[in-house]
PDB file of N, CA and C in Angstrom:
ATOM      1  N   MET A   1      93.603  98.142  80.412  1.00  0.00           N
ATOM      2  CA  MET A   1      93.510  99.575  80.647  1.00  0.00           C
ATOM      3  C   MET A   1      94.898 100.076  81.042  1.00  0.00           C
ATOM      4  N   ASP A   2      95.344 101.125  80.378  1.00  0.00           N
ATOM      5  CA  ASP A   2      96.645 101.702  80.709  1.00  0.00           C
ATOM      6  C   ASP A   2      96.446 102.923  81.610  1.00  0.00           C
ATOM      7  N   ALA A   3      97.561 103.545  82.007  1.00  0.00           N
ATOM      8  CA  ALA A   3      97.514 104.662  82.949  1.00  0.00           C
ATOM      9  C   ALA A   3      96.710 105.840  82.402  1.00  0.00           C
ATOM     10  N   ALA A   4      96.877 106.159  81.123  1.00  0.00           N
ATOM     11  CA  ALA A   4      96.150 107.284  80.539  1.00  0.00           C
ATOM     12  C   ALA A   4      94.650 107.016  80.537  1.00  0.00           C
ATOM     13  N   ALA A   5      94.263 105.799  80.201  1.00  0.00           N
ATOM     14  CA  ALA A   5      92.837 105.443  80.194  1.00  0.00           C
ATOM     15  C   ALA A   5      92.275 105.448  81.607  1.00  0.00           C
ATOM     16  N   LEU A   6      93.052 104.981  82.567  1.00  0.00           N
ATOM     17  CA  LEU A   6      92.609 105.001  83.965  1.00  0.00           C
ATOM     18  C   LEU A   6      92.379 106.432  84.428  1.00  0.00           C
ATOM     19  N   ARG A   7      93.309 107.316  84.140  1.00  0.00           N
ATOM     20  CA  ARG A   7      93.163 108.730  84.516  1.00  0.00           C
ATOM     21  C   ARG A   7      91.921 109.327  83.845  1.00  0.00           C
ATOM     22  N   ARG A   8      91.752 109.088  82.552  1.00  0.00           N
ATOM     23  CA  ARG A   8      90.575 109.620  81.828  1.00  0.00           C
ATOM     24  C   ARG A   8      89.282 109.114  82.451  1.00  0.00           C
ATOM     25  N   GLN A   9      89.248 107.826  82.762  1.00  0.00           N
ATOM     26  CA  GLN A   9      88.033 107.234  83.330  1.00  0.00           C
ATOM     27  C   GLN A   9      87.705 107.864  84.683  1.00  0.00           C
ATOM     28  N   CYS A  10      88.703 108.018  85.530  1.00  0.00           N
ATOM     29  CA  CYS A  10      88.462 108.615  86.848  1.00  0.00           C
ATOM     30  C   CYS A  10      87.989 110.067  86.724  1.00  0.00           C
ATOM     31  N   LEU A  11      88.598 110.808  85.819  1.00  0.00           N
ATOM     32  CA  LEU A  11      88.247 112.220  85.663  1.00  0.00           C
ATOM     33  C   LEU A  11      86.975 112.444  84.847  1.00  0.00           C
ATOM     34  N   SER A  12      86.432 111.384  84.258  1.00  0.00           N
ATOM     35  CA  SER A  12      85.213 111.528  83.453  1.00  0.00           C
ATOM     36  C   SER A  12      83.965 111.732  84.303  1.00  0.00           C
ATOM     37  N   HIS A  13      84.075 111.505  85.588  1.00  0.00           N
ATOM     38  CA  HIS A  13      82.920 111.642  86.476  1.00  0.00           C
ATOM     39  C   HIS A  13      82.788 113.087  86.944  1.00  0.00           C
ATOM     40  N   ARG A  14      81.568 113.546  86.977  1.00  0.00           N
ATOM     41  CA  ARG A  14      81.292 114.948  87.301  1.00  0.00           C
ATOM     42  C   ARG A  14      81.877 115.331  88.663  1.00  0.00           C
ATOM     43  N   GLY A  15      82.645 116.403  88.673  1.00  0.00           N
ATOM     44  CA  GLY A  15      83.229 116.911  89.904  1.00  0.00           C
ATOM     45  C   GLY A  15      84.521 116.227  90.323  1.00  0.00           C
ATOM     46  N   ALA A  16      84.973 115.242  89.559  1.00  0.00           N
ATOM     47  CA  ALA A  16      86.196 114.514  89.918  1.00  0.00           C
ATOM     48  C   ALA A  16      87.424 115.380  89.659  1.00  0.00           C
ATOM     49  N   VAL A  17      88.381 115.299  90.583  1.00  0.00           N
ATOM     50  CA  VAL A  17      89.646 116.011  90.446  1.00  0.00           C
ATOM     51  C   VAL A  17      90.784 115.073  90.824  1.00  0.00           C
ATOM     52  N   GLU A  18      91.950 115.357  90.278  1.00  0.00           N
ATOM     53  CA  GLU A  18      93.150 114.595  90.605  1.00  0.00           C
ATOM     54  C   GLU A  18      94.010 115.440  91.539  1.00  0.00           C
ATOM     55  N   THR A  19      94.405 114.852  92.669  1.00  0.00           N
ATOM     56  CA  THR A  19      95.243 115.549  93.634  1.00  0.00           C
ATOM     57  C   THR A  19      96.462 114.681  93.947  1.00  0.00           C
ATOM     58  N   PHE A  20      97.430 115.278  94.635  1.00  0.00           N
ATOM     59  CA  PHE A  20      98.679 114.579  94.952  1.00  0.00           C
ATOM     60  C   PHE A  20      99.068 114.778  96.419  1.00  0.00           C
ATOM     61  N   PRO A  21      98.193 114.417  97.367  1.00  0.00           N
ATOM     62  CA  PRO A  21      98.499 114.658  98.780  1.00  0.00           C
ATOM     63  C   PRO A  21      99.625 113.777  99.322  1.00  0.00           C
ATOM     64  N   PHE A  22      99.942 112.694  98.643  1.00  0.00           N
ATOM     65  CA  PHE A  22     100.992 111.782  99.106  1.00  0.00           C
ATOM     66  C   PHE A  22     102.271 111.938  98.291  1.00  0.00           C
ATOM     67  N   GLY A  23     102.385 113.013  97.538  1.00  0.00           N
ATOM     68  CA  GLY A  23     103.559 113.257  96.710  1.00  0.00           C
ATOM     69  C   GLY A  23     103.240 113.076  95.243  1.00  0.00           C
ATOM     70  N   PRO A  24     104.198 113.411  94.376  1.00  0.00           N
ATOM     71  CA  PRO A  24     103.948 113.435  92.937  1.00  0.00           C
ATOM     72  C   PRO A  24     103.758 112.060  92.294  1.00  0.00           C
ATOM     73  N   ASP A  25     104.075 110.995  93.003  1.00  0.00           N
ATOM     74  CA  ASP A  25     103.980 109.651  92.419  1.00  0.00           C
ATOM     75  C   ASP A  25     102.620 108.991  92.591  1.00  0.00           C
ATOM     76  N   HIS A  26     101.766 109.552  93.438  1.00  0.00           N
ATOM     77  CA  HIS A  26     100.482 108.917  93.727  1.00  0.00           C
ATOM     78  C   HIS A  26      99.326 109.850  93.408  1.00  0.00           C
ATOM     79  N   SER A  27      98.537 109.474  92.425  1.00  0.00           N
ATOM     80  CA  SER A  27      97.344 110.234  92.059  1.00  0.00           C
ATOM     81  C   SER A  27      96.193 109.812  92.956  1.00  0.00           C
ATOM     82  N   VAL A  28      95.540 110.798  93.543  1.00  0.00           N
ATOM     83  CA  VAL A  28      94.349 110.568  94.350  1.00  0.00           C
ATOM     84  C   VAL A  28      93.205 111.271  93.642  1.00  0.00           C
ATOM     85  N   PHE A  29      92.219 110.498  93.243  1.00  0.00           N
ATOM     86  CA  PHE A  29      91.056 111.056  92.563  1.00  0.00           C
ATOM     87  C   PHE A  29      89.961 111.253  93.599  1.00  0.00           C
ATOM     88  N   LYS A  30      89.449 112.475  93.636  1.00  0.00           N
ATOM     89  CA  LYS A  30      88.455 112.847  94.645  1.00  0.00           C
ATOM     90  C   LYS A  30      87.217 113.432  93.986  1.00  0.00           C
ATOM     91  N   VAL A  31      86.130 113.326  94.729  1.00  0.00           N
ATOM     92  CA  VAL A  31      84.908 114.030  94.390  1.00  0.00           C
ATOM     93  C   VAL A  31      84.390 114.622  95.696  1.00  0.00           C
ATOM     94  N   ALA A  32      84.019 115.876  95.664  1.00  0.00           N
ATOM     95  CA  ALA A  32      83.516 116.569  96.852  1.00  0.00           C
ATOM     96  C   ALA A  32      84.482 116.380  98.024  1.00  0.00           C
ATOM     97  N   GLU A  33      85.774 116.488  97.729  1.00  0.00           N
ATOM     98  CA  GLU A  33      86.852 116.436  98.714  1.00  0.00           C
ATOM     99  C   GLU A  33      87.066 115.061  99.346  1.00  0.00           C
ATOM    100  N   LYS A  34      86.462 114.014  98.798  1.00  0.00           N
ATOM    101  CA  LYS A  34      86.623 112.651  99.320  1.00  0.00           C
ATOM    102  C   LYS A  34      87.217 111.758  98.236  1.00  0.00           C
ATOM    103  N   MET A  35      88.145 110.910  98.645  1.00  0.00           N
ATOM    104  CA  MET A  35      88.837 110.020  97.715  1.00  0.00           C
ATOM    105  C   MET A  35      87.932 108.884  97.237  1.00  0.00           C
ATOM    106  N   PHE A  36      87.986 108.618  95.921  1.00  0.00           N
ATOM    107  CA  PHE A  36      87.317 107.435  95.385  1.00  0.00           C
ATOM    108  C   PHE A  36      88.275 106.526  94.622  1.00  0.00           C
ATOM    109  N   ALA A  37      89.482 106.996  94.320  1.00  0.00           N
ATOM    110  CA  ALA A  37      90.478 106.150  93.653  1.00  0.00           C
ATOM    111  C   ALA A  37      91.873 106.633  94.021  1.00  0.00           C
ATOM    112  N   LEU A  38      92.780 105.673  94.161  1.00  0.00           N
ATOM    113  CA  LEU A  38      94.173 105.954  94.500  1.00  0.00           C
ATOM    114  C   LEU A  38      95.058 105.070  93.634  1.00  0.00           C
ATOM    115  N   THR A  39      96.065 105.674  92.983  1.00  0.00           N
ATOM    116  CA  THR A  39      96.930 104.907  92.095  1.00  0.00           C
ATOM    117  C   THR A  39      98.289 105.564  91.945  1.00  0.00           C
ATOM    118  N   ALA A  40      99.271 104.753  91.607  1.00  0.00           N
ATOM    119  CA  ALA A  40     100.579 105.248  91.169  1.00  0.00           C
ATOM    120  C   ALA A  40     100.612 104.983  89.669  1.00  0.00           C
ATOM    121  N   LEU A  41     100.344 105.994  88.876  1.00  0.00           N
ATOM    122  CA  LEU A  41     100.137 105.818  87.437  1.00  0.00           C
ATOM    123  C   LEU A  41     101.375 105.347  86.679  1.00  0.00           C
ATOM    124  N   ASP A  42     102.546 105.507  87.256  1.00  0.00           N
ATOM    125  CA  ASP A  42     103.753 105.076  86.545  1.00  0.00           C
ATOM    126  C   ASP A  42     104.278 103.726  87.037  1.00  0.00           C
ATOM    127  N   ARG A  43     103.540 103.063  87.886  1.00  0.00           N
ATOM    128  CA  ARG A  43     103.967 101.785  88.443  1.00  0.00           C
ATOM    129  C   ARG A  43     103.578 100.631  87.517  1.00  0.00           C
ATOM    130  N   THR A  44     104.424  99.613  87.491  1.00  0.00           N
ATOM    131  CA  THR A  44     104.130  98.404  86.722  1.00  0.00           C
ATOM    132  C   THR A  44     104.201  97.217  87.660  1.00  0.00           C
ATOM    133  N   PRO A  45     103.164  96.406  87.767  1.00  0.00           N
ATOM    134  CA  PRO A  45     101.897  96.563  87.054  1.00  0.00           C
ATOM    135  C   PRO A  45     101.077  97.713  87.644  1.00  0.00           C
ATOM    136  N   LEU A  46     100.253  98.286  86.811  1.00  0.00           N
ATOM    137  CA  LEU A  46      99.374  99.366  87.218  1.00  0.00           C
ATOM    138  C   LEU A  46      98.326  98.817  88.180  1.00  0.00           C
ATOM    139  N   GLU A  47      98.117  99.525  89.282  1.00  0.00           N
ATOM    140  CA  GLU A  47      97.103  99.141  90.260  1.00  0.00           C
ATOM    141  C   GLU A  47      96.284 100.370  90.624  1.00  0.00           C
ATOM    142  N   VAL A  48      95.047 100.124  91.036  1.00  0.00           N
ATOM    143  CA  VAL A  48      94.190 101.205  91.514  1.00  0.00           C
ATOM    144  C   VAL A  48      93.399 100.675  92.705  1.00  0.00           C
ATOM    145  N   SER A  49      93.309 101.491  93.741  1.00  0.00           N
ATOM    146  CA  SER A  49      92.495 101.149  94.905  1.00  0.00           C
ATOM    147  C   SER A  49      91.176 101.887  94.789  1.00  0.00           C
ATOM    148  N   LEU A  50      90.095 101.136  95.006  1.00  0.00           N
ATOM    149  CA  LEU A  50      88.749 101.662  94.810  1.00  0.00           C
ATOM    150  C   LEU A  50      87.853 101.277  95.979  1.00  0.00           C
ATOM    151  N   LYS A  51      86.977 102.180  96.342  1.00  0.00           N
ATOM    152  CA  LYS A  51      85.993 101.903  97.385  1.00  0.00           C
ATOM    153  C   LYS A  51      84.984 100.894  96.834  1.00  0.00           C
ATOM    154  N   CYS A  52      84.463 100.036  97.720  1.00  0.00           N
ATOM    155  CA  CYS A  52      83.561  98.986  97.267  1.00  0.00           C
ATOM    156  C   CYS A  52      82.615  98.601  98.390  1.00  0.00           C
ATOM    157  N   ASP A  53      81.396  98.252  98.046  1.00  0.00           N
ATOM    158  CA  ASP A  53      80.455  97.700  99.010  1.00  0.00           C
ATOM    159  C   ASP A  53      81.110  96.471  99.643  1.00  0.00           C
ATOM    160  N   PRO A  54      81.100  96.339 100.970  1.00  0.00           N
ATOM    161  CA  PRO A  54      81.811  95.234 101.622  1.00  0.00           C
ATOM    162  C   PRO A  54      81.438  93.836 101.126  1.00  0.00           C
ATOM    163  N   GLU A  55      80.172  93.570 100.891  1.00  0.00           N
ATOM    164  CA  GLU A  55      79.774  92.235 100.405  1.00  0.00           C
ATOM    165  C   GLU A  55      80.294  91.993  98.990  1.00  0.00           C
ATOM    166  N   LEU A  56      80.189  93.000  98.134  1.00  0.00           N
ATOM    167  CA  LEU A  56      80.693  92.870  96.774  1.00  0.00           C
ATOM    168  C   LEU A  56      82.214  92.745  96.780  1.00  0.00           C
ATOM    169  N   ALA A  57      82.882  93.450  97.686  1.00  0.00           N
ATOM    170  CA  ALA A  57      84.343  93.384  97.773  1.00  0.00           C
ATOM    171  C   ALA A  57      84.798  91.945  97.996  1.00  0.00           C
ATOM    172  N   VAL A  58      84.150  91.252  98.902  1.00  0.00           N
ATOM    173  CA  VAL A  58      84.505  89.858  99.194  1.00  0.00           C
ATOM    174  C   VAL A  58      84.249  88.978  97.972  1.00  0.00           C
ATOM    175  N   GLU A  59      83.127  89.194  97.317  1.00  0.00           N
ATOM    176  CA  GLU A  59      82.780  88.418  96.118  1.00  0.00           C
ATOM    177  C   GLU A  59      83.797  88.636  94.992  1.00  0.00           C
ATOM    178  N   LEU A  60      84.177  89.886  94.772  1.00  0.00           N
ATOM    179  CA  LEU A  60      85.155  90.193  93.721  1.00  0.00           C
ATOM    180  C   LEU A  60      86.504  89.547  94.011  1.00  0.00           C
ATOM    181  N   ARG A  61      86.927  89.582  95.261  1.00  0.00           N
ATOM    182  CA  ARG A  61      88.208  88.980  95.646  1.00  0.00           C
ATOM    183  C   ARG A  61      88.202  87.473  95.434  1.00  0.00           C
ATOM    184  N   ALA A  62      87.049  86.854  95.676  1.00  0.00           N
ATOM    185  CA  ALA A  62      86.936  85.402  95.497  1.00  0.00           C
ATOM    186  C   ALA A  62      86.871  85.017  94.026  1.00  0.00           C
ATOM    187  N   THR A  63      86.418  85.932  93.190  1.00  0.00           N
ATOM    188  CA  THR A  63      86.217  85.647  91.769  1.00  0.00           C
ATOM    189  C   THR A  63      87.435  85.986  90.913  1.00  0.00           C
ATOM    190  N   TYR A  64      88.128  87.071  91.243  1.00  0.00           N
ATOM    191  CA  TYR A  64      89.213  87.569  90.396  1.00  0.00           C
ATOM    192  C   TYR A  64      90.528  87.649  91.171  1.00  0.00           C
ATOM    193  N   PRO A  65      91.539  86.925  90.747  1.00  0.00           N
ATOM    194  CA  PRO A  65      92.848  87.020  91.409  1.00  0.00           C
ATOM    195  C   PRO A  65      93.447  88.428  91.378  1.00  0.00           C
ATOM    196  N   ALA A  66      93.039  89.252  90.420  1.00  0.00           N
ATOM    197  CA  ALA A  66      93.580  90.611  90.301  1.00  0.00           C
ATOM    198  C   ALA A  66      92.948  91.585  91.297  1.00  0.00           C
ATOM    199  N   VAL A  67      91.973  91.124  92.071  1.00  0.00           N
ATOM    200  CA  VAL A  67      91.312  91.968  93.063  1.00  0.00           C
ATOM    201  C   VAL A  67      91.662  91.433  94.446  1.00  0.00           C
ATOM    202  N   ARG A  68      92.212  92.317  95.271  1.00  0.00           N
ATOM    203  CA  ARG A  68      92.591  91.907  96.625  1.00  0.00           C
ATOM    204  C   ARG A  68      92.214  93.024  97.609  1.00  0.00           C
ATOM    205  N   PRO A  69      92.276  92.744  98.903  1.00  0.00           N
ATOM    206  CA  PRO A  69      91.945  93.786  99.884  1.00  0.00           C
ATOM    207  C   PRO A  69      92.791  95.035  99.680  1.00  0.00           C
ATOM    208  N   GLY A  70      92.206  96.183  99.957  1.00  0.00           N
ATOM    209  CA  GLY A  70      92.873  97.465  99.746  1.00  0.00           C
ATOM    210  C   GLY A  70      94.197  97.568 100.474  1.00  0.00           C
ATOM    211  N   TYR A  71      95.225  97.920  99.740  1.00  0.00           N
ATOM    212  CA  TYR A  71      96.567  98.074 100.288  1.00  0.00           C
ATOM    213  C   TYR A  71      96.650  99.363 101.111  1.00  0.00           C
ATOM    214  N   HIS A  72      96.966  99.245 102.383  1.00  0.00           N
ATOM    215  CA  HIS A  72      97.062 100.382 103.312  1.00  0.00           C
ATOM    216  C   HIS A  72      95.749 101.150 103.442  1.00  0.00           C
ATOM    217  N   LEU A  73      94.641 100.469 103.225  1.00  0.00           N
ATOM    218  CA  LEU A  73      93.317 101.092 103.343  1.00  0.00           C
ATOM    219  C   LEU A  73      92.417 100.159 104.155  1.00  0.00           C
ATOM    220  N   ASN A  74      91.255 100.633 104.527  1.00  0.00           N
ATOM    221  CA  ASN A  74      90.291  99.798 105.239  1.00  0.00           C
ATOM    222  C   ASN A  74      89.896  98.635 104.332  1.00  0.00           C
ATOM    223  N   LYS A  75      90.329  97.443 104.688  1.00  0.00           N
ATOM    224  CA  LYS A  75      90.155  96.274 103.827  1.00  0.00           C
ATOM    225  C   LYS A  75      88.702  95.845 103.691  1.00  0.00           C
ATOM    226  N   ARG A  76      87.855  96.305 104.558  1.00  0.00           N
ATOM    227  CA  ARG A  76      86.434  95.981 104.453  1.00  0.00           C
ATOM    228  C   ARG A  76      85.782  96.784 103.324  1.00  0.00           C
ATOM    229  N   HIS A  77      86.257  98.003 103.106  1.00  0.00           N
ATOM    230  CA  HIS A  77      85.608  98.927 102.169  1.00  0.00           C
ATOM    231  C   HIS A  77      86.412  99.237 100.911  1.00  0.00           C
ATOM    232  N   TRP A  78      87.640  98.740 100.825  1.00  0.00           N
ATOM    233  CA  TRP A  78      88.492  99.082  99.689  1.00  0.00           C
ATOM    234  C   TRP A  78      89.120  97.843  99.078  1.00  0.00           C
ATOM    235  N   ASN A  79      89.185  97.827  97.765  1.00  0.00           N
ATOM    236  CA  ASN A  79      89.898  96.790  97.006  1.00  0.00           C
ATOM    237  C   ASN A  79      91.039  97.444  96.249  1.00  0.00           C
ATOM    238  N   THR A  80      92.135  96.719  96.099  1.00  0.00           N
ATOM    239  CA  THR A  80      93.193  97.127  95.186  1.00  0.00           C
ATOM    240  C   THR A  80      93.112  96.198  93.983  1.00  0.00           C
ATOM    241  N   VAL A  81      93.013  96.794  92.815  1.00  0.00           N
ATOM    242  CA  VAL A  81      92.808  96.060  91.570  1.00  0.00           C
ATOM    243  C   VAL A  81      94.068  96.187  90.715  1.00  0.00           C
ATOM    244  N   THR A  82      94.626  95.047  90.326  1.00  0.00           N
ATOM    245  CA  THR A  82      95.783  95.038  89.439  1.00  0.00           C
ATOM    246  C   THR A  82      95.280  95.044  88.006  1.00  0.00           C
ATOM    247  N   LEU A  83      95.725  96.027  87.243  1.00  0.00           N
ATOM    248  CA  LEU A  83      95.282  96.181  85.855  1.00  0.00           C
ATOM    249  C   LEU A  83      96.307  95.512  84.940  1.00  0.00           C
ATOM    250  N   ASP A  84      96.282  94.175  84.960  1.00  0.00           N
ATOM    251  CA  ASP A  84      97.245  93.364  84.213  1.00  0.00           C
ATOM    252  C   ASP A  84      96.643  92.754  82.954  1.00  0.00           C
ATOM    253  N   GLY A  85      95.436  93.198  82.595  1.00  0.00           N
ATOM    254  CA  GLY A  85      94.767  92.675  81.410  1.00  0.00           C
ATOM    255  C   GLY A  85      93.848  91.503  81.700  1.00  0.00           C
ATOM    256  N   SER A  86      93.852  91.011  82.944  1.00  0.00           N
ATOM    257  CA  SER A  86      93.004  89.864  83.269  1.00  0.00           C
ATOM    258  C   SER A  86      91.549  90.263  83.515  1.00  0.00           C
ATOM    259  N   LEU A  87      91.297  91.535  83.745  1.00  0.00           N
ATOM    260  CA  LEU A  87      89.932  92.029  83.947  1.00  0.00           C
ATOM    261  C   LEU A  87      89.493  92.819  82.724  1.00  0.00           C
ATOM    262  N   PRO A  88      88.269  92.620  82.273  1.00  0.00           N
ATOM    263  CA  PRO A  88      87.779  93.423  81.147  1.00  0.00           C
ATOM    264  C   PRO A  88      87.740  94.909  81.521  1.00  0.00           C
ATOM    265  N   ASP A  89      88.071  95.767  80.571  1.00  0.00           N
ATOM    266  CA  ASP A  89      88.037  97.204  80.825  1.00  0.00           C
ATOM    267  C   ASP A  89      86.659  97.650  81.302  1.00  0.00           C
ATOM    268  N   GLY A  90      85.613  97.043  80.784  1.00  0.00           N
ATOM    269  CA  GLY A  90      84.259  97.399  81.203  1.00  0.00           C
ATOM    270  C   GLY A  90      84.038  97.156  82.684  1.00  0.00           C
ATOM    271  N   LEU A  91      84.585  96.056  83.198  1.00  0.00           N
ATOM    272  CA  LEU A  91      84.470  95.769  84.628  1.00  0.00           C
ATOM    273  C   LEU A  91      85.239  96.812  85.431  1.00  0.00           C
ATOM    274  N   VAL A  92      86.429  97.155  84.991  1.00  0.00           N
ATOM    275  CA  VAL A  92      87.220  98.172  85.692  1.00  0.00           C
ATOM    276  C   VAL A  92      86.471  99.504  85.704  1.00  0.00           C
ATOM    277  N   CYS A  93      85.889  99.878  84.587  1.00  0.00           N
ATOM    278  CA  CYS A  93      85.097 101.116  84.522  1.00  0.00           C
ATOM    279  C   CYS A  93      83.921 101.062  85.490  1.00  0.00           C
ATOM    280  N   ASP A  94      83.253  99.918  85.563  1.00  0.00           N
ATOM    281  CA  ASP A  94      82.137  99.753  86.495  1.00  0.00           C
ATOM    282  C   ASP A  94      82.603  99.887  87.945  1.00  0.00           C
ATOM    283  N   LEU A  95      83.765  99.322  88.266  1.00  0.00           N
ATOM    284  CA  LEU A  95      84.288  99.412  89.631  1.00  0.00           C
ATOM    285  C   LEU A  95      84.645 100.845  89.993  1.00  0.00           C
ATOM    286  N   ILE A  96      85.185 101.595  89.034  1.00  0.00           N
ATOM    287  CA  ILE A  96      85.483 103.009  89.261  1.00  0.00           C
ATOM    288  C   ILE A  96      84.190 103.784  89.494  1.00  0.00           C
ATOM    289  N   GLU A  97      83.195 103.534  88.659  1.00  0.00           N
ATOM    290  CA  GLU A  97      81.906 104.216  88.818  1.00  0.00           C
ATOM    291  C   GLU A  97      81.254 103.868  90.155  1.00  0.00           C
ATOM    292  N   ASP A  98      81.317 102.599  90.551  1.00  0.00           N
ATOM    293  CA  ASP A  98      80.749 102.195  91.838  1.00  0.00           C
ATOM    294  C   ASP A  98      81.446 102.922  92.992  1.00  0.00           C
ATOM    295  N   SER A  99      82.763 103.032  92.914  1.00  0.00           N
ATOM    296  CA  SER A  99      83.514 103.732  93.955  1.00  0.00           C
ATOM    297  C   SER A  99      83.084 105.196  94.030  1.00  0.00           C
ATOM    298  N   TYR A 100      83.005 105.835  92.885  1.00  0.00           N
ATOM    299  CA  TYR A 100      82.549 107.221  92.803  1.00  0.00           C
ATOM    300  C   TYR A 100      81.151 107.356  93.422  1.00  0.00           C
ATOM    301  N   ASP A 101      80.247 106.469  93.023  1.00  0.00           N
ATOM    302  CA  ASP A 101      78.868 106.528  93.526  1.00  0.00           C
ATOM    303  C   ASP A 101      78.797 106.330  95.039  1.00  0.00           C
ATOM    304  N   LEU A 102      79.600 105.416  95.583  1.00  0.00           N
ATOM    305  CA  LEU A 102      79.603 105.198  97.033  1.00  0.00           C
ATOM    306  C   LEU A 102      80.039 106.458  97.772  1.00  0.00           C
ATOM    307  N   VAL A 103      81.043 107.130  97.242  1.00  0.00           N
ATOM    308  CA  VAL A 103      81.529 108.353  97.883  1.00  0.00           C
ATOM    309  C   VAL A 103      80.486 109.459  97.776  1.00  0.00           C
ATOM    310  N   VAL A 104      79.940 109.665  96.592  1.00  0.00           N
ATOM    311  CA  VAL A 104      78.961 110.737  96.400  1.00  0.00           C
ATOM    312  C   VAL A 104      77.693 110.474  97.219  1.00  0.00           C
ATOM    313  N   SER A 105      77.256 109.229  97.282  1.00  0.00           N
ATOM    314  CA  SER A 105      76.023 108.914  98.010  1.00  0.00           C
ATOM    315  C   SER A 105      76.120 109.238  99.499  1.00  0.00           C
ATOM    316  N   ALA A 106      77.330 109.302 100.039  1.00  0.00           N
ATOM    317  CA  ALA A 106      77.522 109.600 101.453  1.00  0.00           C
ATOM    318  C   ALA A 106      77.694 111.101 101.717  1.00  0.00           C
ATOM    319  N   ARG A 107      77.723 111.895 100.675  1.00  0.00           N
ATOM    320  CA  ARG A 107      77.879 113.351 100.829  1.00  0.00           C
ATOM    321  C   ARG A 107      76.511 113.972 101.125  1.00  0.00           C
ATOM    322  N   PRO A 108      76.504 115.164 101.674  1.00  0.00           N
ATOM    323  CA  PRO A 108      75.229 115.832 101.970  1.00  0.00           C
ATOM    324  C   PRO A 108      74.377 116.025 100.709  1.00  0.00           C
ATOM    325  N   LYS A 109      73.081 116.135 100.922  1.00  0.00           N
ATOM    326  CA  LYS A 109      72.129 116.269  99.813  1.00  0.00           C
ATOM    327  C   LYS A 109      72.487 117.428  98.893  1.00  0.00           C
ATOM    328  N   ARG A 110      72.874 118.560  99.454  1.00  0.00           N
ATOM    329  CA  ARG A 110      73.195 119.729  98.630  1.00  0.00           C
ATOM    330  C   ARG A 110      74.387 119.440  97.717  1.00  0.00           C
ATOM    331  N   VAL A 111      75.358 118.666  98.197  1.00  0.00           N
ATOM    332  CA  VAL A 111      76.526 118.315  97.385  1.00  0.00           C
ATOM    333  C   VAL A 111      76.098 117.373  96.268  1.00  0.00           C
ATOM    334  N   ARG A 112      75.274 116.372  96.612  1.00  0.00           N
ATOM    335  CA  ARG A 112      74.776 115.439  95.577  1.00  0.00           C
ATOM    336  C   ARG A 112      74.011 116.196  94.502  1.00  0.00           C
ATOM    337  N   GLU A 113      73.185 117.167  94.924  1.00  0.00           N
ATOM    338  CA  GLU A 113      72.410 117.962  93.951  1.00  0.00           C
ATOM    339  C   GLU A 113      73.325 118.814  93.091  1.00  0.00           C
ATOM    340  N   GLN A 114      74.373 119.408  93.682  1.00  0.00           N
ATOM    341  CA  GLN A 114      75.329 120.214  92.911  1.00  0.00           C
ATOM    342  C   GLN A 114      76.019 119.369  91.830  1.00  0.00           C
ATOM    343  N   LEU A 115      76.255 118.097  92.164  1.00  0.00           N
ATOM    344  CA  LEU A 115      76.910 117.191  91.217  1.00  0.00           C
ATOM    345  C   LEU A 115      75.925 116.616  90.195  1.00  0.00           C
ATOM    346  N   GLY A 116      74.615 116.849  90.423  1.00  0.00           N
ATOM    347  CA  GLY A 116      73.613 116.278  89.538  1.00  0.00           C
ATOM    348  C   GLY A 116      73.516 114.779  89.672  1.00  0.00           C
ATOM    349  N   TRP A 117      73.859 114.270  90.856  1.00  0.00           N
ATOM    350  CA  TRP A 117      73.906 112.827  91.093  1.00  0.00           C
ATOM    351  C   TRP A 117      72.562 112.337  91.599  1.00  0.00           C
ATOM    352  N   ALA A 118      72.135 111.214  91.043  1.00  0.00           N
ATOM    353  CA  ALA A 118      70.898 110.576  91.520  1.00  0.00           C
ATOM    354  C   ALA A 118      71.186 109.082  91.676  1.00  0.00           C
ATOM    355  N   PRO A 119      70.688 108.469  92.733  1.00  0.00           N
ATOM    356  CA  PRO A 119      70.934 107.037  92.931  1.00  0.00           C
ATOM    357  C   PRO A 119      70.382 106.220  91.774  1.00  0.00           C
ATOM    358  N   GLY A 120      71.082 105.104  91.497  1.00  0.00           N
ATOM    359  CA  GLY A 120      70.615 104.189  90.450  1.00  0.00           C
ATOM    360  C   GLY A 120      71.106 104.602  89.129  1.00  0.00           C
TER     361      GLY A 120
END
């Protein structure tokens, strides 16, 4: 997955927006004003930090060398994923969707309804 595909994937989720609160070099993808992905799209290798269920986060780190604890983030809830080609694009897309879902699921009911989000 390259930077353009990563950006498209993050923005493909309903209500997702790209912001730059840390300066022009770091894209922060948010939904309902909460971050679900953080990346420097021009960095090599390309990396993205994603929210993750804590138990799954540990499992992913043990299974894939390209997945490690979130850089400068709560390491219990965030993974930083190196997009070096070692992970299938489908898995990366699933991790982005999971991050989005975790953020949306914690928002108030009215926000979830506005987004048309339903669990599962």
